[in-house]
Amino acid sequence: MNEKGYVHPEVLVSTAWVAEHLNDPAVRVVESNEDIMLYDIKHIPGAVQIDWQRDLNDPLTRDYLGRASFDALLSRHGIGNDTTVVFYGDKNNWWACYAFWVFQLFSHANARVMDGGRAKWEAEGRPMVREAPSYPTASYKAPERADYPIRATRDQVLEHVHQKRPLVDVRSPGEYSGEMLHMPSYPQEGALRGGHIPGARSIPWARAANADATFKTAAELRAIYEQEQGLRAADNVIAYCRIGERSAHTWFVLKYLLGYPHVRNYDGSWTEWGNLVGVPVER
């Protein structure tokens, strides 16, 4: 990935790299999709499924799972603290990046994303199976969840607005303008009002991806985020979408591919902001 000019090329692996490590006991491939049925239809041999809704969220509160549940989830899939976890999925890897982001809340630094995701693996005619693998139970021990460095709350976003710091709205133009509450072809639900957070720049997440679902080069990404939209690597940036999955993709781009040290994902996003009483909204 060095030829693409990324600041942290080590976070990406190619489909060829994954193919070469399918039987490597130190590597666990994880599929995370919007369409959770895809895994059951076929998946990369040896890959386990992590469902963002069932596995990564607390079943009662609007929050992520706690440390004990995270330990149990990874242990159940045979993932140890030293295991290299490689994420991939549908939709240009947006849910793969989301799962990667949640793993970073628990400081699992030995994590990668397969560039091109499920679409590229299938397009190359690489093997896929229906059988779910079984691994010996591991003994994972995570530190306490550390939200602040990479996660933003609504109060922090409001402070960001007041201080006129950069916000990136990664939703579709129709959502940004307030004409829609969700992406085109989806039910228009989840918020009582449309629009965007004041001062946010509209940079749809998918602009960072090529037609084959791989990430654009660093030069192409800088042309979008910096030359066109005026962001700088030194900025304190918060990205958001509707529920935080698309913005996790942009968070990944800014933090790892372009090397922004201060970028957070507001996972409450428009589902929360569009329902809050008294917060500012622009259209």
Protein backbone atom coordinates (compact mmCIF):
# COMPACT_ATOMS: atom_id res chain seq x y z
CA MET A 1 0.00 0.00 0.00
CA ASN A 2 3.02 2.32 0.19
CA GLU A 3 2.67 3.21 -3.48
CA LYS A 4 -0.58 5.03 -2.62
CA GLY A 5 1.24 7.43 -0.33
CA TYR A 6 -0.65 6.72 2.89
CA VAL A 7 0.73 7.96 6.20
CA HIS A 8 -0.09 4.61 7.86
CA PRO A 9 -0.11 2.03 5.06
CA GLU A 10 0.22 -0.78 7.62
CA VAL A 11 -3.51 -0.58 8.45
CA LEU A 12 -4.47 -1.83 4.98
CA VAL A 13 -3.85 -5.26 3.50
CA SER A 14 -4.60 -6.43 -0.03
CA THR A 15 -6.86 -9.28 -1.07
CA ALA A 16 -3.70 -11.14 -2.13
CA TRP A 17 -2.25 -10.74 1.38
CA VAL A 18 -5.42 -12.16 2.92
CA ALA A 19 -5.38 -15.08 0.46
CA GLU A 20 -1.83 -15.87 1.53
CA HIS A 21 -2.77 -15.83 5.24
CA LEU A 22 -6.01 -17.82 5.22
CA ASN A 23 -4.41 -20.59 7.26
CA ASP A 24 -2.27 -18.37 9.46
CA PRO A 25 -3.28 -19.02 13.11
CA ALA A 26 -2.05 -15.54 14.07
CA VAL A 27 -4.60 -13.90 11.74
CA ARG A 28 -8.36 -13.78 12.14
CA VAL A 29 -10.46 -12.48 9.26
CA VAL A 30 -13.69 -10.73 10.32
CA GLU A 31 -16.63 -9.97 8.03
CA SER A 32 -18.92 -7.10 9.04
CA ASN A 33 -21.72 -6.06 6.69
CA GLU A 34 -24.77 -3.89 6.42
CA ASP A 35 -26.56 -6.90 4.90
CA ILE A 36 -25.97 -9.50 7.60
CA MET A 37 -27.36 -12.30 5.37
CA LEU A 38 -24.35 -12.07 3.03
CA TYR A 39 -22.11 -13.97 5.43
CA ASP A 40 -24.47 -16.96 5.51
CA ILE A 41 -24.64 -17.04 1.71
CA LYS A 42 -20.85 -17.14 1.34
CA HIS A 43 -17.77 -15.64 2.91
CA ILE A 44 -13.98 -15.81 2.88
CA PRO A 45 -12.81 -19.23 4.13
CA GLY A 46 -12.09 -19.06 7.85
CA ALA A 47 -13.74 -15.67 8.33
CA VAL A 48 -15.97 -15.08 11.34
CA GLN A 49 -18.93 -12.72 11.36
CA ILE A 50 -19.27 -9.76 13.73
CA ASP A 51 -22.70 -8.19 13.49
CA TRP A 52 -22.53 -4.49 14.42
CA GLN A 53 -26.00 -4.52 15.95
CA ARG A 54 -25.98 -7.85 17.76
CA ASP A 55 -22.32 -8.04 18.76
CA LEU A 56 -20.98 -4.51 19.16
CA ASN A 57 -23.89 -2.69 20.82
CA ASP A 58 -25.28 -2.94 24.32
CA PRO A 59 -28.67 -4.68 24.06
CA LEU A 60 -30.41 -2.09 26.27
CA THR A 61 -28.60 1.25 26.31
CA ARG A 62 -27.67 3.31 23.25
CA ASP A 63 -24.00 2.56 23.70
CA TYR A 64 -21.33 0.05 22.82
CA LEU A 65 -20.63 -3.13 24.66
CA GLY A 66 -18.52 -2.98 27.81
CA ARG A 67 -15.13 -4.50 28.42
CA ALA A 68 -16.39 -7.85 29.74
CA SER A 69 -18.66 -8.33 26.72
CA PHE A 70 -15.87 -7.33 24.34
CA ASP A 71 -13.54 -9.86 26.01
CA ALA A 72 -16.19 -12.57 25.64
CA LEU A 73 -16.90 -11.72 21.99
CA LEU A 74 -13.27 -11.92 20.93
CA SER A 75 -12.53 -14.98 23.07
CA ARG A 76 -15.49 -16.79 21.49
CA HIS A 77 -14.02 -16.19 18.03
CA GLY A 78 -10.58 -17.41 19.05
CA ILE A 79 -9.06 -13.93 18.98
CA GLY A 80 -6.25 -13.25 21.44
CA ASN A 81 -4.62 -9.97 22.34
CA ASP A 82 -1.85 -10.59 19.82
CA THR A 83 -4.08 -11.78 16.97
CA THR A 84 -3.99 -9.73 13.80
CA VAL A 85 -7.64 -8.96 13.01
CA VAL A 86 -8.47 -8.17 9.37
CA PHE A 87 -11.86 -6.58 8.68
CA TYR A 88 -13.76 -6.64 5.40
CA GLY A 89 -17.37 -6.29 4.29
CA ASP A 90 -19.91 -4.91 1.88
CA LYS A 91 -20.68 -1.27 0.98
CA ASN A 92 -17.05 -0.32 0.28
CA ASN A 93 -16.05 -1.53 3.75
CA TRP A 94 -18.09 1.03 5.67
CA TRP A 95 -19.20 -1.50 8.32
CA ALA A 96 -15.73 -3.05 8.32
CA CYS A 97 -14.31 0.38 9.19
CA TYR A 98 -17.03 0.79 11.83
CA ALA A 99 -16.07 -2.52 13.47
CA PHE A 100 -12.40 -1.51 13.21
CA TRP A 101 -13.30 1.75 15.00
CA VAL A 102 -15.09 -0.06 17.83
CA PHE A 103 -12.06 -2.33 18.27
CA GLN A 104 -9.96 0.81 18.67
CA LEU A 105 -12.17 1.92 21.56
CA PHE A 106 -10.65 -1.10 23.30
CA SER A 107 -7.14 -0.40 21.98
CA HIS A 108 -6.80 -3.47 19.74
CA ALA A 109 -4.04 -1.89 17.68
CA ASN A 110 -3.19 -5.05 15.74
CA ALA A 111 -6.08 -4.52 13.32
CA ARG A 112 -6.25 -4.12 9.55
CA VAL A 113 -8.80 -3.49 6.80
CA MET A 114 -8.78 -5.48 3.56
CA ASP A 115 -8.69 -2.88 0.80
CA GLY A 116 -11.59 -3.39 -1.59
CA GLY A 117 -13.61 -5.47 0.84
CA ARG A 118 -16.02 -8.16 -0.18
CA ALA A 119 -16.65 -6.66 -3.63
CA LYS A 120 -13.01 -6.87 -4.70
CA TRP A 121 -12.54 -10.38 -3.30
CA GLU A 122 -15.57 -11.61 -5.27
CA ALA A 123 -14.59 -9.71 -8.44
CA GLU A 124 -11.22 -11.47 -8.42
CA GLY A 125 -12.92 -14.86 -8.25
CA ARG A 126 -11.30 -15.81 -4.97
CA PRO A 127 -12.71 -18.73 -2.92
CA MET A 128 -15.79 -18.30 -0.76
CA VAL A 129 -17.59 -20.84 1.40
CA ARG A 130 -20.84 -21.23 3.35
CA GLU A 131 -19.42 -23.16 6.30
CA ALA A 132 -18.83 -21.11 9.46
CA PRO A 133 -15.46 -21.92 11.07
CA SER A 134 -14.91 -23.07 14.63
CA TYR A 135 -11.90 -21.96 16.64
CA PRO A 136 -10.64 -22.88 20.10
CA THR A 137 -11.78 -20.34 22.69
CA ALA A 138 -9.16 -17.71 23.44
CA SER A 139 -8.63 -15.64 26.57
CA TYR A 140 -8.88 -12.00 25.53
CA LYS A 141 -8.26 -9.25 28.08
CA ALA A 142 -9.04 -5.71 26.95
CA PRO A 143 -8.32 -2.50 28.84
CA GLU A 144 -11.24 -0.29 29.84
CA ARG A 145 -12.92 1.29 26.88
CA ALA A 146 -11.25 4.61 26.01
CA ASP A 147 -13.75 6.73 24.09
CA TYR A 148 -12.37 10.25 24.12
CA PRO A 149 -9.46 10.06 21.65
CA ILE A 150 -11.66 8.79 18.79
CA ARG A 151 -15.30 9.20 19.85
CA ALA A 152 -17.29 12.44 20.17
CA THR A 153 -20.41 12.99 22.27
CA ARG A 154 -23.22 15.45 21.54
CA ASP A 155 -21.91 17.89 24.17
CA GLN A 156 -18.46 17.78 22.60
CA VAL A 157 -19.99 18.38 19.18
CA LEU A 158 -21.93 21.37 20.50
CA GLU A 159 -18.70 22.79 21.94
CA HIS A 160 -17.06 22.13 18.57
CA VAL A 161 -19.79 24.19 16.88
CA HIS A 162 -19.36 27.07 19.31
CA GLN A 163 -15.60 27.06 18.76
CA LYS A 164 -16.10 26.89 14.97
CA ARG A 165 -13.88 23.83 14.62
CA PRO A 166 -14.22 21.66 11.51
CA LEU A 167 -17.04 19.16 11.21
CA VAL A 168 -17.43 16.77 8.28
CA ASP A 169 -20.92 15.62 7.29
CA VAL A 170 -20.35 12.45 5.25
CA ARG A 171 -24.00 11.82 4.34
CA SER A 172 -25.56 12.23 0.92
CA PRO A 173 -26.22 15.76 -0.38
CA GLY A 174 -29.96 15.26 0.11
CA GLU A 175 -29.48 14.44 3.79
CA TYR A 176 -27.12 17.37 4.24
CA SER A 177 -29.63 19.80 2.71
CA GLY A 178 -32.45 18.48 4.89
CA GLU A 179 -34.51 17.12 2.01
CA MET A 180 -33.97 13.57 3.25
CA LEU A 181 -33.56 11.87 6.62
CA HIS A 182 -31.73 8.83 5.24
CA MET A 183 -29.89 7.84 2.10
CA PRO A 184 -31.81 7.55 -1.19
CA SER A 185 -33.78 4.26 -1.53
CA TYR A 186 -33.92 3.81 2.25
CA PRO A 187 -36.90 4.46 4.57
CA GLN A 188 -36.87 8.13 5.53
CA GLU A 189 -36.83 7.66 9.28
CA GLY A 190 -34.67 8.09 12.34
CA ALA A 191 -34.93 11.84 13.00
CA LEU A 192 -37.68 14.39 13.49
CA ARG A 193 -36.02 17.05 11.36
CA GLY A 194 -33.51 17.27 8.56
CA GLY A 195 -30.51 19.46 7.90
CA HIS A 196 -26.93 19.52 9.10
CA ILE A 197 -24.87 20.67 12.06
CA PRO A 198 -23.93 24.35 11.62
CA GLY A 199 -20.58 24.81 9.92
CA ALA A 200 -20.27 21.20 8.79
CA ARG A 201 -18.70 20.60 5.39
CA SER A 202 -20.47 18.21 3.06
CA ILE A 203 -18.02 15.50 1.98
CA PRO A 204 -19.94 12.28 1.19
CA TRP A 205 -18.04 9.28 2.50
CA ALA A 206 -18.09 7.36 -0.81
CA ARG A 207 -15.93 9.99 -2.51
CA ALA A 208 -12.97 8.35 -0.76
CA ALA A 209 -13.52 5.05 -2.60
CA ASN A 210 -12.78 3.87 -6.13
CA ALA A 211 -15.22 1.95 -8.31
CA ASP A 212 -13.67 -1.33 -7.15
CA ALA A 213 -14.26 -0.37 -3.47
CA THR A 214 -10.55 0.28 -2.77
CA PHE A 215 -9.48 3.54 -1.18
CA LYS A 216 -8.27 6.37 -3.39
CA THR A 217 -4.62 7.38 -3.20
CA ALA A 218 -3.43 9.84 -0.59
CA ALA A 219 -2.98 12.50 -3.27
CA GLU A 220 -6.56 12.04 -4.47
CA LEU A 221 -7.85 12.13 -0.89
CA ARG A 222 -5.95 15.31 -0.09
CA ALA A 223 -7.41 16.91 -3.19
CA ILE A 224 -10.88 16.27 -1.76
CA TYR A 225 -10.41 16.97 1.95
CA GLU A 226 -7.70 19.60 1.87
CA GLN A 227 -7.54 21.39 -1.47
CA GLU A 228 -11.30 21.38 -2.04
CA GLN A 229 -12.63 21.53 1.52
CA GLY A 230 -9.78 23.26 3.35
CA LEU A 231 -9.04 20.71 6.06
CA ARG A 232 -5.52 20.46 7.50
CA ALA A 233 -3.79 17.57 9.22
CA ALA A 234 -3.40 19.66 12.38
CA ASP A 235 -7.17 20.29 12.64
CA ASN A 236 -9.35 18.88 15.39
CA VAL A 237 -12.00 17.19 13.23
CA ILE A 238 -15.31 15.49 14.04
CA ALA A 239 -17.06 13.38 11.39
CA TYR A 240 -20.71 12.30 11.52
CA CYS A 241 -23.45 10.70 9.41
CA ARG A 242 -26.78 9.19 10.51
CA ILE A 243 -25.70 6.51 13.00
CA GLY A 244 -21.90 6.63 12.78
CA GLU A 245 -21.07 3.86 10.30
CA ARG A 246 -20.42 5.96 7.19
CA SER A 247 -18.49 8.47 9.29
CA ALA A 248 -16.33 5.64 10.67
CA HIS A 249 -15.17 5.12 7.08
CA THR A 250 -14.22 8.81 6.80
CA TRP A 251 -12.62 8.68 10.27
CA PHE A 252 -10.45 5.80 9.03
CA VAL A 253 -9.44 7.76 5.93
CA LEU A 254 -8.51 10.89 7.83
CA LYS A 255 -6.80 9.23 10.78
CA TYR A 256 -4.83 6.48 9.07
CA LEU A 257 -4.56 7.16 5.37
CA LEU A 258 -3.96 10.91 5.72
CA GLY A 259 -2.50 10.80 9.22
CA TYR A 260 -4.74 13.29 11.03
CA PRO A 261 -3.91 12.84 14.75
CA HIS A 262 -7.05 14.57 16.08
CA VAL A 263 -10.14 13.15 14.40
CA ARG A 264 -13.19 11.70 16.14
CA ASN A 265 -16.36 9.93 15.07
CA TYR A 266 -19.67 11.25 16.38
CA ASP A 267 -21.60 7.98 16.40
CA GLY A 268 -24.78 9.57 17.77
CA SER A 269 -24.79 11.46 14.47
CA TRP A 270 -28.01 12.73 12.91
CA THR A 271 -30.24 10.15 14.61
CA GLU A 272 -29.34 11.89 17.87
CA TRP A 273 -28.76 15.49 16.71
CA GLY A 274 -31.91 15.63 14.59
CA ASN A 275 -34.00 14.64 17.63
CA LEU A 276 -32.40 16.90 20.26
CA VAL A 277 -34.32 19.84 21.68
CA GLY A 278 -32.68 23.23 21.26
CA VAL A 279 -29.54 22.36 19.31
CA PRO A 280 -28.73 24.44 16.24
CA VAL A 281 -29.49 23.09 12.76
CA GLU A 282 -28.71 24.52 9.33
CA ARG A 283 -30.35 23.84 5.97
